[in-house]
């Protein structure tokens, strides 16, 4: 599986040109045609960061911020739900380790004397 294929798994339902996806991957230090390494924490983190970039680009579209009515149904929560998903993804990325960091528990020094 390539990085591009892994990204497509993460952003299912979002239709973007493969050239656009390649740009998003390049911005996050990934080559679209390189092999995806699931054991690499850095690789996984960069895939999530790329998905976050794509969601942020979608959230910047003013057309999606409007309320839509179709017959007697109203679609007004799309943008709010999208922003919630962006917040969840940001939180997840902050908590993920990279390959360079120790894979131990979350311990930090609160007081230093």
PDB file of N, CA and C in Angstrom:
ATOM      1  N   UNK A   1       0.849  -1.172   0.000  1.00  0.00           N
ATOM      2  CA  UNK A   1       0.000   0.000   0.000  1.00  0.00           C
ATOM      3  C   UNK A   1       0.896   1.238   0.000  1.00  0.00           C
ATOM      4  N   UNK A   2       0.569   2.197  -0.824  1.00  0.00           N
ATOM      5  CA  UNK A   2       1.337   3.443  -0.897  1.00  0.00           C
ATOM      6  C   UNK A   2       0.752   4.477   0.063  1.00  0.00           C
ATOM      7  N   UNK A   3       1.488   5.559   0.263  1.00  0.00           N
ATOM      8  CA  UNK A   3       0.990   6.651   1.105  1.00  0.00           C
ATOM      9  C   UNK A   3      -0.295   7.234   0.537  1.00  0.00           C
ATOM     10  N   UNK A   4      -0.382   7.330  -0.784  1.00  0.00           N
ATOM     11  CA  UNK A   4      -1.582   7.861  -1.422  1.00  0.00           C
ATOM     12  C   UNK A   4      -2.793   6.974  -1.155  1.00  0.00           C
ATOM     13  N   UNK A   5      -2.615   5.665  -1.254  1.00  0.00           N
ATOM     14  CA  UNK A   5      -3.712   4.737  -0.981  1.00  0.00           C
ATOM     15  C   UNK A   5      -4.140   4.814   0.477  1.00  0.00           C
ATOM     16  N   UNK A   6      -3.178   4.953   1.389  1.00  0.00           N
ATOM     17  CA  UNK A   6      -3.504   5.063   2.821  1.00  0.00           C
ATOM     18  C   UNK A   6      -4.268   6.350   3.105  1.00  0.00           C
ATOM     19  N   UNK A   7      -3.884   7.434   2.439  1.00  0.00           N
ATOM     20  CA  UNK A   7      -4.594   8.701   2.612  1.00  0.00           C
ATOM     21  C   UNK A   7      -6.028   8.584   2.100  1.00  0.00           C
ATOM     22  N   UNK A   8      -6.207   7.895   0.987  1.00  0.00           N
ATOM     23  CA  UNK A   8      -7.559   7.707   0.450  1.00  0.00           C
ATOM     24  C   UNK A   8      -8.442   6.928   1.417  1.00  0.00           C
ATOM     25  N   UNK A   9      -7.860   6.002   2.178  1.00  0.00           N
ATOM     26  CA  UNK A   9      -8.623   5.298   3.212  1.00  0.00           C
ATOM     27  C   UNK A   9      -9.076   6.257   4.308  1.00  0.00           C
ATOM     28  N   UNK A  10      -8.207   7.206   4.630  1.00  0.00           N
ATOM     29  CA  UNK A  10      -8.506   8.143   5.712  1.00  0.00           C
ATOM     30  C   UNK A  10      -9.542   9.189   5.322  1.00  0.00           C
ATOM     31  N   UNK A  11      -9.600   9.577   4.050  1.00  0.00           N
ATOM     32  CA  UNK A  11     -10.511  10.643   3.611  1.00  0.00           C
ATOM     33  C   UNK A  11     -11.574  10.086   2.650  1.00  0.00           C
ATOM     34  N   UNK A  12     -12.113   8.946   2.976  1.00  0.00           N
ATOM     35  CA  UNK A  12     -13.150   8.345   2.132  1.00  0.00           C
ATOM     36  C   UNK A  12     -14.320   9.295   1.978  1.00  0.00           C
ATOM     37  N   UNK A  13     -14.843   9.359   0.776  1.00  0.00           N
ATOM     38  CA  UNK A  13     -15.990  10.210   0.511  1.00  0.00           C
ATOM     39  C   UNK A  13     -15.624  11.615   0.077  1.00  0.00           C
ATOM     40  N   UNK A  14     -14.360  11.966   0.146  1.00  0.00           N
ATOM     41  CA  UNK A  14     -13.893  13.276  -0.306  1.00  0.00           C
ATOM     42  C   UNK A  14     -13.234  13.069  -1.658  1.00  0.00           C
ATOM     43  N   UNK A  15     -13.802  13.667  -2.675  1.00  0.00           N
ATOM     44  CA  UNK A  15     -13.305  13.465  -4.032  1.00  0.00           C
ATOM     45  C   UNK A  15     -12.359  14.590  -4.430  1.00  0.00           C
ATOM     46  N   UNK A  16     -11.079  14.273  -4.457  1.00  0.00           N
ATOM     47  CA  UNK A  16     -10.054  15.211  -4.893  1.00  0.00           C
ATOM     48  C   UNK A  16      -9.222  14.545  -5.969  1.00  0.00           C
ATOM     49  N   UNK A  17      -8.662  15.348  -6.854  1.00  0.00           N
ATOM     50  CA  UNK A  17      -7.773  14.858  -7.895  1.00  0.00           C
ATOM     51  C   UNK A  17      -6.511  14.293  -7.248  1.00  0.00           C
ATOM     52  N   UNK A  18      -5.912  13.260  -7.842  1.00  0.00           N
ATOM     53  CA  UNK A  18      -4.711  12.664  -7.264  1.00  0.00           C
ATOM     54  C   UNK A  18      -3.540  13.641  -7.228  1.00  0.00           C
ATOM     55  N   UNK A  19      -3.519  14.586  -8.155  1.00  0.00           N
ATOM     56  CA  UNK A  19      -2.463  15.605  -8.115  1.00  0.00           C
ATOM     57  C   UNK A  19      -2.617  16.497  -6.889  1.00  0.00           C
ATOM     58  N   UNK A  20      -3.855  16.828  -6.537  1.00  0.00           N
ATOM     59  CA  UNK A  20      -4.101  17.630  -5.338  1.00  0.00           C
ATOM     60  C   UNK A  20      -3.699  16.850  -4.095  1.00  0.00           C
ATOM     61  N   UNK A  21      -4.052  15.568  -4.048  1.00  0.00           N
ATOM     62  CA  UNK A  21      -3.678  14.740  -2.905  1.00  0.00           C
ATOM     63  C   UNK A  21      -2.160  14.630  -2.785  1.00  0.00           C
ATOM     64  N   UNK A  22      -1.463  14.555  -3.931  1.00  0.00           N
ATOM     65  CA  UNK A  22      -0.002  14.481  -3.924  1.00  0.00           C
ATOM     66  C   UNK A  22       0.602  15.751  -3.337  1.00  0.00           C
ATOM     67  N   UNK A  23      -0.009  16.901  -3.619  1.00  0.00           N
ATOM     68  CA  UNK A  23       0.477  18.164  -3.055  1.00  0.00           C
ATOM     69  C   UNK A  23       0.293  18.163  -1.541  1.00  0.00           C
ATOM     70  N   UNK A  24      -0.877  17.734  -1.072  1.00  0.00           N
ATOM     71  CA  UNK A  24      -1.104  17.668   0.369  1.00  0.00           C
ATOM     72  C   UNK A  24      -0.089  16.740   1.037  1.00  0.00           C
ATOM     73  N   UNK A  25       0.179  15.591   0.421  1.00  0.00           N
ATOM     74  CA  UNK A  25       1.159  14.655   0.986  1.00  0.00           C
ATOM     75  C   UNK A  25       2.556  15.270   1.009  1.00  0.00           C
ATOM     76  N   UNK A  26       2.938  15.954  -0.071  1.00  0.00           N
ATOM     77  CA  UNK A  26       4.263  16.569  -0.142  1.00  0.00           C
ATOM     78  C   UNK A  26       4.428  17.647   0.933  1.00  0.00           C
ATOM     79  N   UNK A  27       3.352  18.376   1.213  1.00  0.00           N
ATOM     80  CA  UNK A  27       3.412  19.414   2.255  1.00  0.00           C
ATOM     81  C   UNK A  27       3.660  18.818   3.634  1.00  0.00           C
ATOM     82  N   UNK A  28       3.348  17.528   3.794  1.00  0.00           N
ATOM     83  CA  UNK A  28       3.560  16.857   5.078  1.00  0.00           C
ATOM     84  C   UNK A  28       4.687  15.827   5.003  1.00  0.00           C
ATOM     85  N   UNK A  29       5.658  16.105   4.121  1.00  0.00           N
ATOM     86  CA  UNK A  29       6.888  15.294   4.013  1.00  0.00           C
ATOM     87  C   UNK A  29       6.641  13.843   3.629  1.00  0.00           C
ATOM     88  N   UNK A  30       5.666  13.588   2.776  1.00  0.00           N
ATOM     89  CA  UNK A  30       5.391  12.240   2.303  1.00  0.00           C
ATOM     90  C   UNK A  30       5.401  12.209   0.779  1.00  0.00           C
ATOM     91  N   UNK A  31       5.973  11.159   0.236  1.00  0.00           N
ATOM     92  CA  UNK A  31       5.941  10.933  -1.201  1.00  0.00           C
ATOM     93  C   UNK A  31       4.733  10.042  -1.483  1.00  0.00           C
ATOM     94  N   UNK A  32       3.834  10.431  -2.396  1.00  0.00           N
ATOM     95  CA  UNK A  32       2.609   9.660  -2.606  1.00  0.00           C
ATOM     96  C   UNK A  32       2.836   8.227  -3.061  1.00  0.00           C
ATOM     97  N   UNK A  33       3.954   7.959  -3.724  1.00  0.00           N
ATOM     98  CA  UNK A  33       4.169   6.625  -4.282  1.00  0.00           C
ATOM     99  C   UNK A  33       5.112   5.771  -3.451  1.00  0.00           C
ATOM    100  N   UNK A  34       5.580   6.304  -2.322  1.00  0.00           N
ATOM    101  CA  UNK A  34       6.387   5.496  -1.407  1.00  0.00           C
ATOM    102  C   UNK A  34       5.495   4.508  -0.675  1.00  0.00           C
ATOM    103  N   UNK A  35       6.111   3.439  -0.232  1.00  0.00           N
ATOM    104  CA  UNK A  35       5.385   2.408   0.513  1.00  0.00           C
ATOM    105  C   UNK A  35       4.984   2.948   1.889  1.00  0.00           C
ATOM    106  N   UNK A  36       3.727   2.725   2.274  1.00  0.00           N
ATOM    107  CA  UNK A  36       3.256   3.123   3.602  1.00  0.00           C
ATOM    108  C   UNK A  36       3.781   2.119   4.616  1.00  0.00           C
ATOM    109  N   UNK A  37       4.407   2.616   5.670  1.00  0.00           N
ATOM    110  CA  UNK A  37       4.959   1.757   6.713  1.00  0.00           C
ATOM    111  C   UNK A  37       4.092   1.899   7.959  1.00  0.00           C
ATOM    112  N   UNK A  38       3.196   0.929   8.211  1.00  0.00           N
ATOM    113  CA  UNK A  38       2.287   1.065   9.356  1.00  0.00           C
ATOM    114  C   UNK A  38       2.991   1.050  10.714  1.00  0.00           C
ATOM    115  N   UNK A  39       4.193   0.484  10.773  1.00  0.00           N
ATOM    116  CA  UNK A  39       4.908   0.447  12.054  1.00  0.00           C
ATOM    117  C   UNK A  39       5.610   1.761  12.364  1.00  0.00           C
ATOM    118  N   UNK A  40       5.664   2.678  11.409  1.00  0.00           N
ATOM    119  CA  UNK A  40       6.316   3.965  11.618  1.00  0.00           C
ATOM    120  C   UNK A  40       5.323   4.961  12.204  1.00  0.00           C
ATOM    121  N   UNK A  41       5.597   5.409  13.407  1.00  0.00           N
ATOM    122  CA  UNK A  41       4.706   6.382  14.061  1.00  0.00           C
ATOM    123  C   UNK A  41       4.727   7.716  13.330  1.00  0.00           C
ATOM    124  N   UNK A  42       5.878   8.098  12.807  1.00  0.00           N
ATOM    125  CA  UNK A  42       5.989   9.361  12.073  1.00  0.00           C
ATOM    126  C   UNK A  42       5.177   9.316  10.786  1.00  0.00           C
ATOM    127  N   UNK A  43       5.241   8.201  10.074  1.00  0.00           N
ATOM    128  CA  UNK A  43       4.496   8.047   8.833  1.00  0.00           C
ATOM    129  C   UNK A  43       2.990   8.134   9.092  1.00  0.00           C
ATOM    130  N   UNK A  44       2.543   7.461  10.123  1.00  0.00           N
ATOM    131  CA  UNK A  44       1.116   7.480  10.464  1.00  0.00           C
ATOM    132  C   UNK A  44       0.685   8.887  10.873  1.00  0.00           C
ATOM    133  N   UNK A  45       1.512   9.546  11.661  1.00  0.00           N
ATOM    134  CA  UNK A  45       1.203  10.907  12.107  1.00  0.00           C
ATOM    135  C   UNK A  45       1.112  11.860  10.916  1.00  0.00           C
ATOM    136  N   UNK A  46       2.006  11.708   9.941  1.00  0.00           N
ATOM    137  CA  UNK A  46       1.981  12.572   8.763  1.00  0.00           C
ATOM    138  C   UNK A  46       0.765  12.304   7.882  1.00  0.00           C
ATOM    139  N   UNK A  47       0.297  11.061   7.834  1.00  0.00           N
ATOM    140  CA  UNK A  47      -0.932  10.753   7.100  1.00  0.00           C
ATOM    141  C   UNK A  47      -2.105  11.482   7.759  1.00  0.00           C
ATOM    142  N   UNK A  48      -2.182  11.431   9.085  1.00  0.00           N
ATOM    143  CA  UNK A  48      -3.255  12.128   9.803  1.00  0.00           C
ATOM    144  C   UNK A  48      -3.153  13.642   9.618  1.00  0.00           C
ATOM    145  N   UNK A  49      -1.936  14.177   9.609  1.00  0.00           N
ATOM    146  CA  UNK A  49      -1.756  15.613   9.389  1.00  0.00           C
ATOM    147  C   UNK A  49      -2.206  16.009   7.983  1.00  0.00           C
ATOM    148  N   UNK A  50      -1.981  15.136   7.021  1.00  0.00           N
ATOM    149  CA  UNK A  50      -2.431  15.396   5.652  1.00  0.00           C
ATOM    150  C   UNK A  50      -3.948  15.390   5.584  1.00  0.00           C
ATOM    151  N   UNK A  51      -4.573  14.412   6.246  1.00  0.00           N
ATOM    152  CA  UNK A  51      -6.043  14.361   6.280  1.00  0.00           C
ATOM    153  C   UNK A  51      -6.598  15.616   6.946  1.00  0.00           C
ATOM    154  N   UNK A  52      -5.937  16.077   7.995  1.00  0.00           N
ATOM    155  CA  UNK A  52      -6.352  17.304   8.673  1.00  0.00           C
ATOM    156  C   UNK A  52      -6.261  18.501   7.730  1.00  0.00           C
ATOM    157  N   UNK A  53      -5.200  18.587   6.943  1.00  0.00           N
ATOM    158  CA  UNK A  53      -5.053  19.681   5.975  1.00  0.00           C
ATOM    159  C   UNK A  53      -6.186  19.676   4.962  1.00  0.00           C
ATOM    160  N   UNK A  54      -6.573  18.494   4.519  1.00  0.00           N
ATOM    161  CA  UNK A  54      -7.666  18.375   3.550  1.00  0.00           C
ATOM    162  C   UNK A  54      -8.979  18.839   4.176  1.00  0.00           C
ATOM    163  N   UNK A  55      -9.253  18.408   5.409  1.00  0.00           N
ATOM    164  CA  UNK A  55     -10.489  18.819   6.088  1.00  0.00           C
ATOM    165  C   UNK A  55     -10.514  20.325   6.331  1.00  0.00           C
ATOM    166  N   UNK A  56      -9.358  20.900   6.672  1.00  0.00           N
ATOM    167  CA  UNK A  56      -9.308  22.349   6.876  1.00  0.00           C
ATOM    168  C   UNK A  56      -9.576  23.093   5.578  1.00  0.00           C
ATOM    169  N   UNK A  57      -9.102  22.572   4.466  1.00  0.00           N
ATOM    170  CA  UNK A  57      -9.377  23.201   3.170  1.00  0.00           C
ATOM    171  C   UNK A  57     -10.860  23.152   2.843  1.00  0.00           C
ATOM    172  N   UNK A  58     -11.493  22.038   3.160  1.00  0.00           N
ATOM    173  CA  UNK A  58     -12.936  21.911   2.925  1.00  0.00           C
ATOM    174  C   UNK A  58     -13.697  22.875   3.828  1.00  0.00           C
ATOM    175  N   UNK A  59     -13.232  23.012   5.074  1.00  0.00           N
ATOM    176  CA  UNK A  59     -13.906  23.902   6.022  1.00  0.00           C
ATOM    177  C   UNK A  59     -13.796  25.367   5.607  1.00  0.00           C
ATOM    178  N   UNK A  60     -12.806  25.711   4.781  1.00  0.00           N
ATOM    179  CA  UNK A  60     -12.637  27.088   4.327  1.00  0.00           C
ATOM    180  C   UNK A  60     -13.543  27.447   3.160  1.00  0.00           C
ATOM    181  N   UNK A  61     -14.343  26.516   2.699  1.00  0.00           N
ATOM    182  CA  UNK A  61     -15.246  26.759   1.582  1.00  0.00           C
ATOM    183  C   UNK A  61     -16.524  27.432   2.098  1.00  0.00           C
ATOM    184  N   UNK A  62     -16.770  28.695   1.772  1.00  0.00           N
ATOM    185  CA  UNK A  62     -17.937  29.411   2.300  1.00  0.00           C
ATOM    186  C   UNK A  62     -19.275  28.810   1.853  1.00  0.00           C
ATOM    187  N   UNK A  63     -19.289  28.115   0.734  1.00  0.00           N
ATOM    188  CA  UNK A  63     -20.532  27.500   0.266  1.00  0.00           C
ATOM    189  C   UNK A  63     -21.052  26.451   1.238  1.00  0.00           C
ATOM    190  N   UNK A  64     -20.143  25.819   1.974  1.00  0.00           N
ATOM    191  CA  UNK A  64     -20.539  24.764   2.894  1.00  0.00           C
ATOM    192  C   UNK A  64     -21.016  25.294   4.240  1.00  0.00           C
ATOM    193  N   UNK A  65     -20.923  26.594   4.454  1.00  0.00           N
ATOM    194  CA  UNK A  65     -21.328  27.194   5.725  1.00  0.00           C
ATOM    195  C   UNK A  65     -22.792  27.600   5.730  1.00  0.00           C
ATOM    196  N   UNK A  66     -23.452  27.484   4.590  1.00  0.00           N
ATOM    197  CA  UNK A  66     -24.847  27.892   4.495  1.00  0.00           C
ATOM    198  C   UNK A  66     -25.769  26.777   4.985  1.00  0.00           C
ATOM    199  N   UNK A  67     -27.001  27.156   5.257  1.00  0.00           N
ATOM    200  CA  UNK A  67     -28.030  26.188   5.597  1.00  0.00           C
ATOM    201  C   UNK A  67     -28.767  25.813   4.320  1.00  0.00           C
ATOM    202  N   UNK A  68     -28.877  24.528   4.092  1.00  0.00           N
ATOM    203  CA  UNK A  68     -29.553  24.051   2.888  1.00  0.00           C
ATOM    204  C   UNK A  68     -30.884  23.425   3.262  1.00  0.00           C
ATOM    205  N   UNK A  69     -31.897  23.683   2.454  1.00  0.00           N
ATOM    206  CA  UNK A  69     -33.206  23.066   2.648  1.00  0.00           C
ATOM    207  C   UNK A  69     -33.559  22.280   1.400  1.00  0.00           C
ATOM    208  N   UNK A  70     -33.966  21.063   1.603  1.00  0.00           N
ATOM    209  CA  UNK A  70     -34.410  20.213   0.524  1.00  0.00           C
ATOM    210  C   UNK A  70     -35.743  19.624   0.951  1.00  0.00           C
ATOM    211  N   UNK A  71     -36.789  20.042   0.262  1.00  0.00           N
ATOM    212  CA  UNK A  71     -38.161  19.687   0.655  1.00  0.00           C
ATOM    213  C   UNK A  71     -38.380  20.127   2.099  1.00  0.00           C
ATOM    214  N   UNK A  72     -38.538  19.197   3.016  1.00  0.00           N
ATOM    215  CA  UNK A  72     -38.738  19.588   4.409  1.00  0.00           C
ATOM    216  C   UNK A  72     -37.560  19.170   5.291  1.00  0.00           C
ATOM    217  N   UNK A  73     -36.391  18.899   4.672  1.00  0.00           N
ATOM    218  CA  UNK A  73     -35.183  18.569   5.431  1.00  0.00           C
ATOM    219  C   UNK A  73     -34.241  19.765   5.426  1.00  0.00           C
ATOM    220  N   UNK A  74     -33.546  19.981   6.535  1.00  0.00           N
ATOM    221  CA  UNK A  74     -32.574  21.066   6.641  1.00  0.00           C
ATOM    222  C   UNK A  74     -31.207  20.476   6.951  1.00  0.00           C
ATOM    223  N   UNK A  75     -30.214  20.890   6.183  1.00  0.00           N
ATOM    224  CA  UNK A  75     -28.841  20.464   6.426  1.00  0.00           C
ATOM    225  C   UNK A  75     -28.066  21.697   6.869  1.00  0.00           C
ATOM    226  N   UNK A  76     -27.900  21.832   8.169  1.00  0.00           N
ATOM    227  CA  UNK A  76     -27.205  23.015   8.685  1.00  0.00           C
ATOM    228  C   UNK A  76     -26.027  22.648   9.569  1.00  0.00           C
ATOM    229  N   UNK A  77     -25.887  21.391   9.910  1.00  0.00           N
ATOM    230  CA  UNK A  77     -24.855  20.998  10.853  1.00  0.00           C
ATOM    231  C   UNK A  77     -23.586  20.491  10.186  1.00  0.00           C
ATOM    232  N   UNK A  78     -23.519  20.509   8.857  1.00  0.00           N
ATOM    233  CA  UNK A  78     -22.341  19.969   8.175  1.00  0.00           C
ATOM    234  C   UNK A  78     -21.068  20.684   8.617  1.00  0.00           C
ATOM    235  N   UNK A  79     -21.092  22.003   8.576  1.00  0.00           N
ATOM    236  CA  UNK A  79     -19.888  22.759   8.918  1.00  0.00           C
ATOM    237  C   UNK A  79     -19.522  22.562  10.386  1.00  0.00           C
ATOM    238  N   UNK A  80     -20.517  22.544  11.249  1.00  0.00           N
ATOM    239  CA  UNK A  80     -20.252  22.334  12.676  1.00  0.00           C
ATOM    240  C   UNK A  80     -19.660  20.944  12.926  1.00  0.00           C
ATOM    241  N   UNK A  81     -20.208  19.931  12.273  1.00  0.00           N
ATOM    242  CA  UNK A  81     -19.675  18.577  12.425  1.00  0.00           C
ATOM    243  C   UNK A  81     -18.276  18.458  11.837  1.00  0.00           C
ATOM    244  N   UNK A  82     -18.017  19.152  10.752  1.00  0.00           N
ATOM    245  CA  UNK A  82     -16.694  19.154  10.144  1.00  0.00           C
ATOM    246  C   UNK A  82     -15.671  19.781  11.092  1.00  0.00           C
ATOM    247  N   UNK A  83     -16.030  20.882  11.721  1.00  0.00           N
ATOM    248  CA  UNK A  83     -15.122  21.519  12.680  1.00  0.00           C
ATOM    249  C   UNK A  83     -14.883  20.628  13.900  1.00  0.00           C
ATOM    250  N   UNK A  84     -15.907  19.905  14.331  1.00  0.00           N
ATOM    251  CA  UNK A  84     -15.735  18.956  15.442  1.00  0.00           C
ATOM    252  C   UNK A  84     -14.753  17.858  15.060  1.00  0.00           C
ATOM    253  N   UNK A  85     -14.856  17.361  13.834  1.00  0.00           N
ATOM    254  CA  UNK A  85     -13.940  16.313  13.368  1.00  0.00           C
ATOM    255  C   UNK A  85     -12.519  16.858  13.268  1.00  0.00           C
ATOM    256  N   UNK A  86     -12.367  18.094  12.844  1.00  0.00           N
ATOM    257  CA  UNK A  86     -11.041  18.720  12.778  1.00  0.00           C
ATOM    258  C   UNK A  86     -10.438  18.811  14.181  1.00  0.00           C
ATOM    259  N   UNK A  87     -11.236  19.221  15.160  1.00  0.00           N
ATOM    260  CA  UNK A  87     -10.757  19.295  16.545  1.00  0.00           C
ATOM    261  C   UNK A  87     -10.330  17.924  17.061  1.00  0.00           C
ATOM    262  N   UNK A  88     -11.126  16.885  16.757  1.00  0.00           N
ATOM    263  CA  UNK A  88     -10.782  15.526  17.188  1.00  0.00           C
ATOM    264  C   UNK A  88      -9.473  15.068  16.568  1.00  0.00           C
ATOM    265  N   UNK A  89      -9.298  15.363  15.287  1.00  0.00           N
ATOM    266  CA  UNK A  89      -8.085  14.949  14.589  1.00  0.00           C
ATOM    267  C   UNK A  89      -6.864  15.703  15.108  1.00  0.00           C
ATOM    268  N   UNK A  90      -7.009  16.999  15.392  1.00  0.00           N
ATOM    269  CA  UNK A  90      -5.902  17.769  15.971  1.00  0.00           C
ATOM    270  C   UNK A  90      -5.492  17.201  17.321  1.00  0.00           C
ATOM    271  N   UNK A  91      -6.463  16.863  18.137  1.00  0.00           N
ATOM    272  CA  UNK A  91      -6.181  16.292  19.458  1.00  0.00           C
ATOM    273  C   UNK A  91      -5.444  14.958  19.310  1.00  0.00           C
ATOM    274  N   UNK A  92      -5.901  14.145  18.387  1.00  0.00           N
ATOM    275  CA  UNK A  92      -5.268  12.844  18.159  1.00  0.00           C
ATOM    276  C   UNK A  92      -3.830  13.003  17.688  1.00  0.00           C
ATOM    277  N   UNK A  93      -3.580  13.950  16.789  1.00  0.00           N
ATOM    278  CA  UNK A  93      -2.234  14.180  16.270  1.00  0.00           C
ATOM    279  C   UNK A  93      -1.308  14.669  17.376  1.00  0.00           C
ATOM    280  N   UNK A  94      -1.800  15.562  18.240  1.00  0.00           N
ATOM    281  CA  UNK A  94      -0.975  16.068  19.347  1.00  0.00           C
ATOM    282  C   UNK A  94      -0.552  14.946  20.277  1.00  0.00           C
ATOM    283  N   UNK A  95      -1.398  13.935  20.440  1.00  0.00           N
ATOM    284  CA  UNK A  95      -1.097  12.859  21.372  1.00  0.00           C
ATOM    285  C   UNK A  95      -0.239  11.755  20.763  1.00  0.00           C
ATOM    286  N   UNK A  96      -0.098  11.753  19.445  1.00  0.00           N
ATOM    287  CA  UNK A  96       0.684  10.712  18.778  1.00  0.00           C
ATOM    288  C   UNK A  96       2.171  10.970  18.933  1.00  0.00           C
ATOM    289  N   UNK A  97       2.925   9.897  19.045  1.00  0.00           N
ATOM    290  CA  UNK A  97       4.383   9.975  19.124  1.00  0.00           C
ATOM    291  C   UNK A  97       4.961   9.921  17.721  1.00  0.00           C
ATOM    292  N   UNK A  98       6.209  10.337  17.602  1.00  0.00           N
ATOM    293  CA  UNK A  98       6.960  10.162  16.359  1.00  0.00           C
ATOM    294  C   UNK A  98       7.988   9.068  16.584  1.00  0.00           C
ATOM    295  N   UNK A  99       8.663   8.671  15.524  1.00  0.00           N
ATOM    296  CA  UNK A  99       9.686   7.622  15.648  1.00  0.00           C
ATOM    297  C   UNK A  99      10.851   8.059  16.533  1.00  0.00           C
ATOM    298  N   UNK A 100      11.125   9.366  16.582  1.00  0.00           N
ATOM    299  CA  UNK A 100      12.258   9.865  17.349  1.00  0.00           C
ATOM    300  C   UNK A 100      11.954   9.928  18.851  1.00  0.00           C
ATOM    301  N   UNK A 101      10.693  10.030  19.204  1.00  0.00           N
ATOM    302  CA  UNK A 101      10.323  10.132  20.611  1.00  0.00           C
ATOM    303  C   UNK A 101      10.269   8.750  21.236  1.00  0.00           C
ATOM    304  N   UNK A 102      10.545   8.694  22.524  1.00  0.00           N
ATOM    305  CA  UNK A 102      10.433   7.432  23.235  1.00  0.00           C
ATOM    306  C   UNK A 102       8.982   7.002  23.256  1.00  0.00           C
ATOM    307  N   UNK A 103       8.768   5.720  23.135  1.00  0.00           N
ATOM    308  CA  UNK A 103       7.407   5.185  23.135  1.00  0.00           C
ATOM    309  C   UNK A 103       7.016   4.751  24.553  1.00  0.00           C
ATOM    310  N   UNK A 104       7.283   5.609  25.522  1.00  0.00           N
ATOM    311  CA  UNK A 104       6.954   5.308  26.915  1.00  0.00           C
ATOM    312  C   UNK A 104       5.725   6.101  27.323  1.00  0.00           C
ATOM    313  N   UNK A 105       5.385   6.067  28.587  1.00  0.00           N
ATOM    314  CA  UNK A 105       4.200   6.756  29.088  1.00  0.00           C
ATOM    315  C   UNK A 105       4.308   8.267  29.012  1.00  0.00           C
ATOM    316  N   UNK A 106       3.207   8.920  29.270  1.00  0.00           N
ATOM    317  CA  UNK A 106       3.152  10.380  29.253  1.00  0.00           C
ATOM    318  C   UNK A 106       3.517  10.912  30.630  1.00  0.00           C
ATOM    319  N   UNK A 107       4.786  11.209  30.828  1.00  0.00           N
ATOM    320  CA  UNK A 107       5.267  11.728  32.104  1.00  0.00           C
ATOM    321  C   UNK A 107       5.961  13.043  31.827  1.00  0.00           C
ATOM    322  N   UNK A 108       5.659  14.054  32.628  1.00  0.00           N
ATOM    323  CA  UNK A 108       6.336  15.331  32.493  1.00  0.00           C
ATOM    324  C   UNK A 108       6.589  15.889  33.878  1.00  0.00           C
ATOM    325  N   UNK A 109       7.544  16.785  33.961  1.00  0.00           N
ATOM    326  CA  UNK A 109       7.888  17.377  35.248  1.00  0.00           C
ATOM    327  C   UNK A 109       7.023  18.613  35.468  1.00  0.00           C
ATOM    328  N   UNK A 110       6.214  18.580  36.472  1.00  0.00           N
ATOM    329  CA  UNK A 110       5.358  19.697  36.796  1.00  0.00           C
ATOM    330  C   UNK A 110       6.123  20.732  37.615  1.00  0.00           C
ATOM    331  N   UNK A 111       6.915  20.256  38.580  1.00  0.00           N
ATOM    332  CA  UNK A 111       7.673  21.156  39.428  1.00  0.00           C
ATOM    333  C   UNK A 111       9.151  20.822  39.277  1.00  0.00           C
ATOM    334  N   UNK A 112       9.949  21.816  39.211  1.00  0.00           N
ATOM    335  CA  UNK A 112      11.379  21.626  39.128  1.00  0.00           C
ATOM    336  C   UNK A 112      12.027  22.516  40.172  1.00  0.00           C
ATOM    337  N   UNK A 113      12.755  21.901  41.076  1.00  0.00           N
ATOM    338  CA  UNK A 113      13.349  22.708  42.155  1.00  0.00           C
ATOM    339  C   UNK A 113      14.830  22.854  42.012  1.00  0.00           C
TER     340      UNK A 113
END
